[in-house]
All heavy atoms as atom14 arrays in JSON, in Angstrom:
{
  "sequence": "VAAISWSGGITVYADSVKGRFTISRDNAKNTVNLQMNSLNLEDTAV",
  "atom14_mask": [
    [1, 1, 1, 1, 1, 1, 1, 0, 0, 0, 0, 0, 0, 0],
    [1, 1, 1, 1, 1, 0, 0, 0, 0, 0, 0, 0, 0, 0],
    [1, 1, 1, 1, 1, 0, 0, 0, 0, 0, 0, 0, 0, 0],
    [1, 1, 1, 1, 1, 1, 1, 1, 0, 0, 0, 0, 0, 0],
    [1, 1, 1, 1, 1, 1, 0, 0, 0, 0, 0, 0, 0, 0],
    [1, 1, 1, 1, 1, 1, 1, 1, 1, 1, 1, 1, 1, 1],
    [1, 1, 1, 1, 1, 1, 0, 0, 0, 0, 0, 0, 0, 0],
    [1, 1, 1, 1, 0, 0, 0, 0, 0, 0, 0, 0, 0, 0],
    [1, 1, 1, 1, 0, 0, 0, 0, 0, 0, 0, 0, 0, 0],
    [1, 1, 1, 1, 1, 1, 1, 1, 0, 0, 0, 0, 0, 0],
    [1, 1, 1, 1, 1, 1, 1, 0, 0, 0, 0, 0, 0, 0],
    [1, 1, 1, 1, 1, 1, 1, 0, 0, 0, 0, 0, 0, 0],
    [1, 1, 1, 1, 1, 1, 1, 1, 1, 1, 1, 1, 0, 0],
    [1, 1, 1, 1, 1, 0, 0, 0, 0, 0, 0, 0, 0, 0],
    [1, 1, 1, 1, 1, 1, 1, 1, 0, 0, 0, 0, 0, 0],
    [1, 1, 1, 1, 1, 1, 0, 0, 0, 0, 0, 0, 0, 0],
    [1, 1, 1, 1, 1, 1, 1, 0, 0, 0, 0, 0, 0, 0],
    [1, 1, 1, 1, 1, 1, 1, 1, 1, 0, 0, 0, 0, 0],
    [1, 1, 1, 1, 0, 0, 0, 0, 0, 0, 0, 0, 0, 0],
    [1, 1, 1, 1, 1, 1, 1, 1, 1, 1, 1, 0, 0, 0],
    [1, 1, 1, 1, 1, 1, 1, 1, 1, 1, 1, 0, 0, 0],
    [1, 1, 1, 1, 1, 1, 1, 0, 0, 0, 0, 0, 0, 0],
    [1, 1, 1, 1, 1, 1, 1, 1, 0, 0, 0, 0, 0, 0],
    [1, 1, 1, 1, 1, 1, 0, 0, 0, 0, 0, 0, 0, 0],
    [1, 1, 1, 1, 1, 1, 1, 1, 1, 1, 1, 0, 0, 0],
    [1, 1, 1, 1, 1, 1, 1, 1, 0, 0, 0, 0, 0, 0],
    [1, 1, 1, 1, 1, 1, 1, 1, 0, 0, 0, 0, 0, 0],
    [1, 1, 1, 1, 1, 0, 0, 0, 0, 0, 0, 0, 0, 0],
    [1, 1, 1, 1, 1, 1, 1, 1, 1, 0, 0, 0, 0, 0],
    [1, 1, 1, 1, 1, 1, 1, 1, 0, 0, 0, 0, 0, 0],
    [1, 1, 1, 1, 1, 1, 1, 0, 0, 0, 0, 0, 0, 0],
    [1, 1, 1, 1, 1, 1, 1, 0, 0, 0, 0, 0, 0, 0],
    [1, 1, 1, 1, 1, 1, 1, 1, 0, 0, 0, 0, 0, 0],
    [1, 1, 1, 1, 1, 1, 1, 1, 0, 0, 0, 0, 0, 0],
    [1, 1, 1, 1, 1, 1, 1, 1, 1, 0, 0, 0, 0, 0],
    [1, 1, 1, 1, 1, 1, 1, 1, 0, 0, 0, 0, 0, 0],
    [1, 1, 1, 1, 1, 1, 1, 1, 0, 0, 0, 0, 0, 0],
    [1, 1, 1, 1, 1, 1, 0, 0, 0, 0, 0, 0, 0, 0],
    [1, 1, 1, 1, 1, 1, 1, 1, 0, 0, 0, 0, 0, 0],
    [1, 1, 1, 1, 1, 1, 1, 1, 0, 0, 0, 0, 0, 0],
    [1, 1, 1, 1, 1, 1, 1, 1, 0, 0, 0, 0, 0, 0],
    [1, 1, 1, 1, 1, 1, 1, 1, 1, 0, 0, 0, 0, 0],
    [1, 1, 1, 1, 1, 1, 1, 1, 0, 0, 0, 0, 0, 0],
    [1, 1, 1, 1, 1, 1, 1, 0, 0, 0, 0, 0, 0, 0],
    [1, 1, 1, 1, 1, 0, 0, 0, 0, 0, 0, 0, 0, 0],
    [1, 1, 1, 1, 1, 1, 1, 0, 0, 0, 0, 0, 0, 0]
  ],
  "atom14_positions": [
    [[0.83, -1.2, 0.0], [0.0, 0.0, 0.0], [0.88, 1.26, 0.0], [0.76, 2.1, -0.88], [-0.95, 0.02, 1.21], [-1.72, 1.33, 1.26], [-1.89, -1.18, 1.18], [0.0, 0.0, 0.0], [0.0, 0.0, 0.0], [0.0, 0.0, 0.0], [0.0, 0.0, 0.0], [0.0, 0.0, 0.0], [0.0, 0.0, 0.0], [0.0, 0.0, 0.0]],
    [[1.75, 1.38, 1.0], [2.59, 2.57, 1.13], [3.77, 2.26, 2.01], [3.73, 1.35, 2.84], [1.78, 3.72, 1.71], [0.0, 0.0, 0.0], [0.0, 0.0, 0.0], [0.0, 0.0, 0.0], [0.0, 0.0, 0.0], [0.0, 0.0, 0.0], [0.0, 0.0, 0.0], [0.0, 0.0, 0.0], [0.0, 0.0, 0.0], [0.0, 0.0, 0.0]],
    [[4.83, 3.05, 1.85], [6.01, 2.9, 2.69], [6.65, 4.26, 2.92], [6.45, 5.2, 2.12], [7.02, 1.95, 2.06], [0.0, 0.0, 0.0], [0.0, 0.0, 0.0], [0.0, 0.0, 0.0], [0.0, 0.0, 0.0], [0.0, 0.0, 0.0], [0.0, 0.0, 0.0], [0.0, 0.0, 0.0], [0.0, 0.0, 0.0], [0.0, 0.0, 0.0]],
    [[7.38, 4.35, 4.03], [8.05, 5.62, 4.38], [9.44, 5.29, 4.91], [9.63, 4.3, 5.64], [7.19, 6.39, 5.4], [7.76, 7.8, 5.64], [7.04, 5.61, 6.7], [6.77, 8.69, 6.4], [0.0, 0.0, 0.0], [0.0, 0.0, 0.0], [0.0, 0.0, 0.0], [0.0, 0.0, 0.0], [0.0, 0.0, 0.0], [0.0, 0.0, 0.0]],
    [[10.4, 6.11, 4.55], [11.77, 5.89, 4.99], [11.9, 6.18, 6.47], [11.02, 6.76, 7.1], [12.72, 6.77, 4.2], [12.43, 8.14, 4.43], [0.0, 0.0, 0.0], [0.0, 0.0, 0.0], [0.0, 0.0, 0.0], [0.0, 0.0, 0.0], [0.0, 0.0, 0.0], [0.0, 0.0, 0.0], [0.0, 0.0, 0.0], [0.0, 0.0, 0.0]],
    [[13.05, 5.82, 7.05], [13.25, 5.97, 8.47], [13.14, 7.44, 8.91], [12.66, 7.74, 10.0], [14.61, 5.42, 8.89], [15.78, 6.19, 8.35], [16.4, 6.04, 7.14], [16.44, 7.29, 9.0], [17.39, 6.95, 6.99], [17.45, 7.73, 8.12], [16.29, 7.93, 10.21], [18.3, 8.76, 8.43], [17.15, 8.97, 10.54], [18.14, 9.39, 9.65]],
    [[13.55, 8.36, 8.04], [13.5, 9.78, 8.36], [12.18, 10.42, 8.01], [11.89, 11.55, 8.42], [14.61, 10.5, 7.62], [14.36, 10.48, 6.22], [0.0, 0.0, 0.0], [0.0, 0.0, 0.0], [0.0, 0.0, 0.0], [0.0, 0.0, 0.0], [0.0, 0.0, 0.0], [0.0, 0.0, 0.0], [0.0, 0.0, 0.0], [0.0, 0.0, 0.0]],
    [[11.38, 9.72, 7.24], [10.14, 10.3, 6.74], [10.29, 11.09, 5.47], [9.32, 11.61, 4.93], [0.0, 0.0, 0.0], [0.0, 0.0, 0.0], [0.0, 0.0, 0.0], [0.0, 0.0, 0.0], [0.0, 0.0, 0.0], [0.0, 0.0, 0.0], [0.0, 0.0, 0.0], [0.0, 0.0, 0.0], [0.0, 0.0, 0.0], [0.0, 0.0, 0.0]],
    [[11.52, 11.16, 4.97], [11.76, 12.0, 3.81], [11.36, 11.39, 2.47], [11.23, 12.12, 1.48], [0.0, 0.0, 0.0], [0.0, 0.0, 0.0], [0.0, 0.0, 0.0], [0.0, 0.0, 0.0], [0.0, 0.0, 0.0], [0.0, 0.0, 0.0], [0.0, 0.0, 0.0], [0.0, 0.0, 0.0], [0.0, 0.0, 0.0], [0.0, 0.0, 0.0]],
    [[11.2, 10.09, 2.46], [10.84, 9.4, 1.22], [9.59, 8.57, 1.46], [9.52, 7.83, 2.42], [11.96, 8.47, 0.74], [13.24, 9.28, 0.44], [11.53, 7.71, -0.51], [14.45, 8.41, 0.12], [0.0, 0.0, 0.0], [0.0, 0.0, 0.0], [0.0, 0.0, 0.0], [0.0, 0.0, 0.0], [0.0, 0.0, 0.0], [0.0, 0.0, 0.0]],
    [[8.6, 8.73, 0.6], [7.38, 7.95, 0.67], [7.11, 7.35, -0.71], [7.43, 7.95, -1.74], [6.16, 8.78, 1.1], [6.01, 9.89, 0.2], [6.35, 9.31, 2.52], [0.0, 0.0, 0.0], [0.0, 0.0, 0.0], [0.0, 0.0, 0.0], [0.0, 0.0, 0.0], [0.0, 0.0, 0.0], [0.0, 0.0, 0.0], [0.0, 0.0, 0.0]],
    [[6.54, 6.17, -0.7], [6.14, 5.51, -1.94], [4.76, 4.93, -1.75], [4.37, 4.57, -0.62], [7.14, 4.39, -2.36], [8.45, 4.99, -2.79], [7.35, 3.39, -1.25], [0.0, 0.0, 0.0], [0.0, 0.0, 0.0], [0.0, 0.0, 0.0], [0.0, 0.0, 0.0], [0.0, 0.0, 0.0], [0.0, 0.0, 0.0], [0.0, 0.0, 0.0]],
    [[4.0, 4.89, -2.84], [2.61, 4.44, -2.8], [2.31, 3.48, -3.93], [2.88, 3.59, -5.02], [1.66, 5.64, -2.89], [1.76, 6.61, -1.75], [2.6, 7.73, -1.83], [1.03, 6.41, -0.57], [2.7, 8.61, -0.78], [1.12, 7.31, 0.48], [1.96, 8.4, 0.38], [2.05, 9.29, 1.42], [0.0, 0.0, 0.0], [0.0, 0.0, 0.0]],
    [[1.4, 2.59, -3.68], [0.84, 1.8, -4.77], [0.01, 2.71, -5.65], [-0.59, 3.67, -5.18], [-0.03, 0.68, -4.19], [0.0, 0.0, 0.0], [0.0, 0.0, 0.0], [0.0, 0.0, 0.0], [0.0, 0.0, 0.0], [0.0, 0.0, 0.0], [0.0, 0.0, 0.0], [0.0, 0.0, 0.0], [0.0, 0.0, 0.0], [0.0, 0.0, 0.0]],
    [[-0.02, 2.4, -6.93], [-0.77, 3.23, -7.86], [-2.26, 3.32, -7.47], [-2.89, 4.35, -7.67], [-0.65, 2.68, -9.28], [0.74, 2.9, -9.88], [1.5, 3.73, -9.32], [1.06, 2.23, -10.86], [0.0, 0.0, 0.0], [0.0, 0.0, 0.0], [0.0, 0.0, 0.0], [0.0, 0.0, 0.0], [0.0, 0.0, 0.0], [0.0, 0.0, 0.0]],
    [[-2.76, 2.25, -6.89], [-4.19, 2.18, -6.57], [-4.59, 3.13, -5.46], [-5.77, 3.43, -5.28], [-4.57, 0.76, -6.2], [-3.83, 0.31, -5.07], [0.0, 0.0, 0.0], [0.0, 0.0, 0.0], [0.0, 0.0, 0.0], [0.0, 0.0, 0.0], [0.0, 0.0, 0.0], [0.0, 0.0, 0.0], [0.0, 0.0, 0.0], [0.0, 0.0, 0.0]],
    [[-3.62, 3.62, -4.66], [-3.96, 4.5, -3.54], [-3.33, 5.88, -3.66], [-3.62, 6.77, -2.86], [-3.54, 3.87, -2.19], [-4.11, 2.47, -2.06], [-2.03, 3.86, -2.02], [0.0, 0.0, 0.0], [0.0, 0.0, 0.0], [0.0, 0.0, 0.0], [0.0, 0.0, 0.0], [0.0, 0.0, 0.0], [0.0, 0.0, 0.0], [0.0, 0.0, 0.0]],
    [[-2.48, 6.06, -4.67], [-1.79, 7.34, -4.82], [-2.79, 8.47, -4.98], [-3.75, 8.37, -5.75], [-0.87, 7.27, -6.03], [0.2, 8.33, -6.09], [1.15, 8.07, -7.25], [1.9, 6.77, -7.1], [2.87, 6.54, -8.19], [0.0, 0.0, 0.0], [0.0, 0.0, 0.0], [0.0, 0.0, 0.0], [0.0, 0.0, 0.0], [0.0, 0.0, 0.0]],
    [[-2.57, 9.54, -4.22], [-3.48, 10.67, -4.26], [-4.64, 10.57, -3.28], [-5.35, 11.56, -3.04], [0.0, 0.0, 0.0], [0.0, 0.0, 0.0], [0.0, 0.0, 0.0], [0.0, 0.0, 0.0], [0.0, 0.0, 0.0], [0.0, 0.0, 0.0], [0.0, 0.0, 0.0], [0.0, 0.0, 0.0], [0.0, 0.0, 0.0], [0.0, 0.0, 0.0]],
    [[-4.86, 9.37, -2.73], [-5.94, 9.18, -1.75], [-5.41, 8.87, -0.36], [-6.02, 9.27, 0.64], [-6.85, 8.04, -2.2], [-7.5, 8.24, -3.55], [-8.54, 7.15, -3.82], [-7.95, 5.83, -3.89], [-8.31, 4.79, -3.1], [-9.27, 4.97, -2.21], [-7.74, 3.6, -3.23], [0.0, 0.0, 0.0], [0.0, 0.0, 0.0], [0.0, 0.0, 0.0]],
    [[-4.29, 8.16, -0.28], [-3.72, 7.76, 1.0], [-2.44, 8.56, 1.26], [-1.7, 8.9, 0.34], [-3.36, 6.27, 0.99], [-4.54, 5.32, 0.97], [-5.83, 5.76, 0.74], [-4.33, 3.97, 1.2], [-6.91, 4.88, 0.73], [-5.37, 3.08, 1.19], [-6.66, 3.53, 0.95], [0.0, 0.0, 0.0], [0.0, 0.0, 0.0], [0.0, 0.0, 0.0]],
    [[-2.18, 8.81, 2.54], [-0.95, 9.49, 2.94], [-0.33, 8.76, 4.13], [-1.0, 8.56, 5.15], [-1.24, 10.95, 3.32], [-1.84, 11.64, 2.23], [0.07, 11.66, 3.7], [0.0, 0.0, 0.0], [0.0, 0.0, 0.0], [0.0, 0.0, 0.0], [0.0, 0.0, 0.0], [0.0, 0.0, 0.0], [0.0, 0.0, 0.0], [0.0, 0.0, 0.0]],
    [[0.94, 8.4, 3.99], [1.65, 7.77, 5.07], [2.53, 8.81, 5.76], [3.11, 9.69, 5.09], [2.51, 6.59, 4.56], [3.11, 5.79, 5.72], [3.58, 7.04, 3.57], [3.76, 4.48, 5.28], [0.0, 0.0, 0.0], [0.0, 0.0, 0.0], [0.0, 0.0, 0.0], [0.0, 0.0, 0.0], [0.0, 0.0, 0.0], [0.0, 0.0, 0.0]],
    [[2.61, 8.71, 7.08], [3.43, 9.64, 7.84], [3.96, 8.91, 9.07], [3.45, 7.85, 9.43], [2.63, 10.88, 8.23], [1.55, 10.53, 9.08], [0.0, 0.0, 0.0], [0.0, 0.0, 0.0], [0.0, 0.0, 0.0], [0.0, 0.0, 0.0], [0.0, 0.0, 0.0], [0.0, 0.0, 0.0], [0.0, 0.0, 0.0], [0.0, 0.0, 0.0]],
    [[4.94, 9.51, 9.72], [5.47, 8.89, 10.93], [5.92, 9.95, 11.92], [6.22, 11.09, 11.53], [6.65, 7.97, 10.58], [7.9, 8.68, 10.09], [8.94, 7.65, 9.64], [9.4, 6.79, 10.74], [10.01, 5.62, 10.54], [10.21, 5.15, 9.32], [10.41, 4.92, 11.58], [0.0, 0.0, 0.0], [0.0, 0.0, 0.0], [0.0, 0.0, 0.0]],
    [[5.91, 9.56, 13.18], [6.38, 10.42, 14.25], [7.35, 9.59, 15.07], [6.92, 8.77, 15.91], [5.2, 10.91, 15.1], [5.63, 11.89, 16.17], [6.8, 11.94, 16.54], [4.75, 12.66, 16.63], [0.0, 0.0, 0.0], [0.0, 0.0, 0.0], [0.0, 0.0, 0.0], [0.0, 0.0, 0.0], [0.0, 0.0, 0.0], [0.0, 0.0, 0.0]],
    [[8.63, 9.79, 14.84], [9.62, 8.95, 15.53], [9.66, 9.23, 17.04], [10.06, 8.35, 17.82], [10.98, 9.13, 14.89], [11.1, 8.47, 13.55], [10.27, 7.63, 13.19], [12.11, 8.83, 12.79], [0.0, 0.0, 0.0], [0.0, 0.0, 0.0], [0.0, 0.0, 0.0], [0.0, 0.0, 0.0], [0.0, 0.0, 0.0], [0.0, 0.0, 0.0]],
    [[9.28, 10.41, 17.44], [9.24, 10.72, 18.87], [8.16, 9.92, 19.59], [8.29, 9.64, 20.78], [9.03, 12.2, 19.08], [0.0, 0.0, 0.0], [0.0, 0.0, 0.0], [0.0, 0.0, 0.0], [0.0, 0.0, 0.0], [0.0, 0.0, 0.0], [0.0, 0.0, 0.0], [0.0, 0.0, 0.0], [0.0, 0.0, 0.0], [0.0, 0.0, 0.0]],
    [[7.11, 9.57, 18.86], [6.0, 8.83, 19.44], [5.97, 7.38, 19.01], [5.04, 6.63, 19.36], [4.66, 9.5, 19.08], [4.5, 10.91, 19.63], [3.15, 11.48, 19.26], [2.98, 12.89, 19.84], [1.67, 13.49, 19.47], [0.0, 0.0, 0.0], [0.0, 0.0, 0.0], [0.0, 0.0, 0.0], [0.0, 0.0, 0.0], [0.0, 0.0, 0.0]],
    [[6.96, 6.97, 18.2], [7.03, 5.59, 17.71], [5.75, 5.19, 16.98], [5.21, 4.08, 17.2], [7.31, 4.61, 18.85], [8.78, 4.49, 19.16], [9.58, 5.35, 18.78], [9.17, 3.44, 19.88], [0.0, 0.0, 0.0], [0.0, 0.0, 0.0], [0.0, 0.0, 0.0], [0.0, 0.0, 0.0], [0.0, 0.0, 0.0], [0.0, 0.0, 0.0]],
    [[5.24, 6.07, 16.15], [4.02, 5.76, 15.42], [4.19, 6.02, 13.93], [4.97, 6.89, 13.52], [2.82, 6.57, 15.92], [3.13, 7.97, 15.79], [2.5, 6.26, 17.38], [0.0, 0.0, 0.0], [0.0, 0.0, 0.0], [0.0, 0.0, 0.0], [0.0, 0.0, 0.0], [0.0, 0.0, 0.0], [0.0, 0.0, 0.0], [0.0, 0.0, 0.0]],
    [[3.47, 5.25, 13.16], [3.33, 5.5, 11.73], [1.84, 5.46, 11.42], [1.1, 4.64, 11.96], [4.13, 4.48, 10.91], [3.66, 3.06, 11.16], [4.04, 4.79, 9.43], [0.0, 0.0, 0.0], [0.0, 0.0, 0.0], [0.0, 0.0, 0.0], [0.0, 0.0, 0.0], [0.0, 0.0, 0.0], [0.0, 0.0, 0.0], [0.0, 0.0, 0.0]],
    [[1.4, 6.38, 10.6], [-0.02, 6.55, 10.32], [-0.3, 6.39, 8.83], [0.57, 6.61, 7.99], [-0.5, 7.92, 10.77], [-0.27, 8.15, 12.26], [-0.72, 7.37, 13.09], [0.46, 9.21, 12.59], [0.0, 0.0, 0.0], [0.0, 0.0, 0.0], [0.0, 0.0, 0.0], [0.0, 0.0, 0.0], [0.0, 0.0, 0.0], [0.0, 0.0, 0.0]],
    [[-1.53, 6.01, 8.55], [-2.0, 5.93, 7.17], [-3.34, 6.62, 7.1], [-4.34, 6.11, 7.59], [-2.12, 4.49, 6.7], [-2.44, 4.31, 5.23], [-1.29, 4.77, 4.34], [-2.8, 2.86, 4.92], [0.0, 0.0, 0.0], [0.0, 0.0, 0.0], [0.0, 0.0, 0.0], [0.0, 0.0, 0.0], [0.0, 0.0, 0.0], [0.0, 0.0, 0.0]],
    [[-3.34, 7.82, 6.54], [-4.58, 8.55, 6.32], [-5.19, 8.1, 5.0], [-4.54, 8.21, 3.96], [-4.31, 10.06, 6.29], [-5.54, 10.9, 6.03], [-6.56, 10.82, 7.13], [-6.22, 10.83, 8.31], [-7.84, 10.71, 6.77], [0.0, 0.0, 0.0], [0.0, 0.0, 0.0], [0.0, 0.0, 0.0], [0.0, 0.0, 0.0], [0.0, 0.0, 0.0]],
    [[-6.42, 7.59, 5.08], [-7.07, 7.04, 3.89], [-8.31, 7.86, 3.57], [-9.23, 7.92, 4.38], [-7.43, 5.59, 4.12], [-6.25, 4.72, 4.57], [-6.65, 2.97, 4.66], [-7.89, 2.98, 5.96], [0.0, 0.0, 0.0], [0.0, 0.0, 0.0], [0.0, 0.0, 0.0], [0.0, 0.0, 0.0], [0.0, 0.0, 0.0], [0.0, 0.0, 0.0]],
    [[-8.31, 8.5, 2.42], [-9.45, 9.31, 1.99], [-10.07, 8.73, 0.74], [-9.46, 7.9, 0.05], [-8.98, 10.74, 1.71], [-8.42, 11.42, 2.94], [-8.84, 11.16, 4.07], [-7.46, 12.31, 2.73], [0.0, 0.0, 0.0], [0.0, 0.0, 0.0], [0.0, 0.0, 0.0], [0.0, 0.0, 0.0], [0.0, 0.0, 0.0], [0.0, 0.0, 0.0]],
    [[-11.27, 9.16, 0.45], [-11.98, 8.7, -0.77], [-11.96, 7.19, -0.89], [-11.67, 6.61, -1.94], [-11.34, 9.34, -2.01], [-11.37, 10.74, -1.94], [0.0, 0.0, 0.0], [0.0, 0.0, 0.0], [0.0, 0.0, 0.0], [0.0, 0.0, 0.0], [0.0, 0.0, 0.0], [0.0, 0.0, 0.0], [0.0, 0.0, 0.0], [0.0, 0.0, 0.0]],
    [[-12.3, 6.54, 0.19], [-12.27, 5.08, 0.21], [-13.32, 4.49, -0.72], [-14.43, 5.05, -0.87], [-12.47, 4.58, 1.64], [-11.26, 4.77, 2.55], [-11.66, 4.69, 4.02], [-10.19, 3.74, 2.25], [0.0, 0.0, 0.0], [0.0, 0.0, 0.0], [0.0, 0.0, 0.0], [0.0, 0.0, 0.0], [0.0, 0.0, 0.0], [0.0, 0.0, 0.0]],
    [[-12.97, 3.38, -1.33], [-13.92, 2.68, -2.19], [-13.98, 1.21, -1.78], [-13.21, 0.74, -0.93], [-13.55, 2.86, -3.66], [-12.13, 2.39, -3.99], [-11.77, 1.26, -3.68], [-11.34, 3.26, -4.58], [0.0, 0.0, 0.0], [0.0, 0.0, 0.0], [0.0, 0.0, 0.0], [0.0, 0.0, 0.0], [0.0, 0.0, 0.0], [0.0, 0.0, 0.0]],
    [[-14.89, 0.48, -2.41], [-15.14, -0.9, -2.01], [-13.87, -1.77, -2.14], [-13.68, -2.7, -1.33], [-16.25, -1.51, -2.87], [-17.6, -0.8, -2.81], [-18.6, -1.49, -3.74], [-18.14, -0.76, -1.39], [0.0, 0.0, 0.0], [0.0, 0.0, 0.0], [0.0, 0.0, 0.0], [0.0, 0.0, 0.0], [0.0, 0.0, 0.0], [0.0, 0.0, 0.0]],
    [[-13.03, -1.43, -3.1], [-11.82, -2.23, -3.34], [-10.74, -2.02, -2.25], [-9.75, -2.76, -2.23], [-11.21, -1.88, -4.71], [-12.01, -2.37, -5.9], [-13.31, -1.59, -6.11], [-13.32, -0.36, -5.81], [-14.31, -2.2, -6.55], [0.0, 0.0, 0.0], [0.0, 0.0, 0.0], [0.0, 0.0, 0.0], [0.0, 0.0, 0.0], [0.0, 0.0, 0.0]],
    [[-10.97, -1.07, -1.38], [-10.02, -0.84, -0.29], [-10.31, -1.75, 0.92], [-9.55, -1.74, 1.89], [-10.06, 0.62, 0.16], [-9.58, 1.57, -0.9], [-8.57, 1.27, -1.56], [-10.24, 2.62, -1.08], [0.0, 0.0, 0.0], [0.0, 0.0, 0.0], [0.0, 0.0, 0.0], [0.0, 0.0, 0.0], [0.0, 0.0, 0.0], [0.0, 0.0, 0.0]],
    [[-11.39, -2.49, 0.86], [-11.73, -3.4, 1.95], [-10.66, -4.48, 2.08], [-10.36, -5.19, 1.11], [-13.1, -4.05, 1.7], [-14.11, -3.04, 1.75], [-13.4, -5.11, 2.76], [0.0, 0.0, 0.0], [0.0, 0.0, 0.0], [0.0, 0.0, 0.0], [0.0, 0.0, 0.0], [0.0, 0.0, 0.0], [0.0, 0.0, 0.0], [0.0, 0.0, 0.0]],
    [[-10.1, -4.6, 3.27], [-9.01, -5.56, 3.48], [-8.57, -5.48, 4.93], [-8.97, -4.58, 5.67], [-7.83, -5.26, 2.58], [0.0, 0.0, 0.0], [0.0, 0.0, 0.0], [0.0, 0.0, 0.0], [0.0, 0.0, 0.0], [0.0, 0.0, 0.0], [0.0, 0.0, 0.0], [0.0, 0.0, 0.0], [0.0, 0.0, 0.0], [0.0, 0.0, 0.0]],
    [[-7.75, -6.45, 5.31], [-7.01, -6.33, 6.57], [-5.71, -5.58, 6.25], [-4.99, -5.95, 5.32], [-6.69, -7.7, 7.17], [-5.87, -7.55, 8.45], [-8.0, -8.46, 7.47], [0.0, 0.0, 0.0], [0.0, 0.0, 0.0], [0.0, 0.0, 0.0], [0.0, 0.0, 0.0], [0.0, 0.0, 0.0], [0.0, 0.0, 0.0], [0.0, 0.0, 0.0]]
  ]
}
């Protein structure tokens, strides 16, 4: 779906989610997030 480098400076996306999903990370909080917008039926998954 998406990936982010250790620094957060590089992100890559699958074509199917590009422009709709955004990956981000907060190393101070040990978290990585995936904001998903404009969801469609094909996004249903684990």
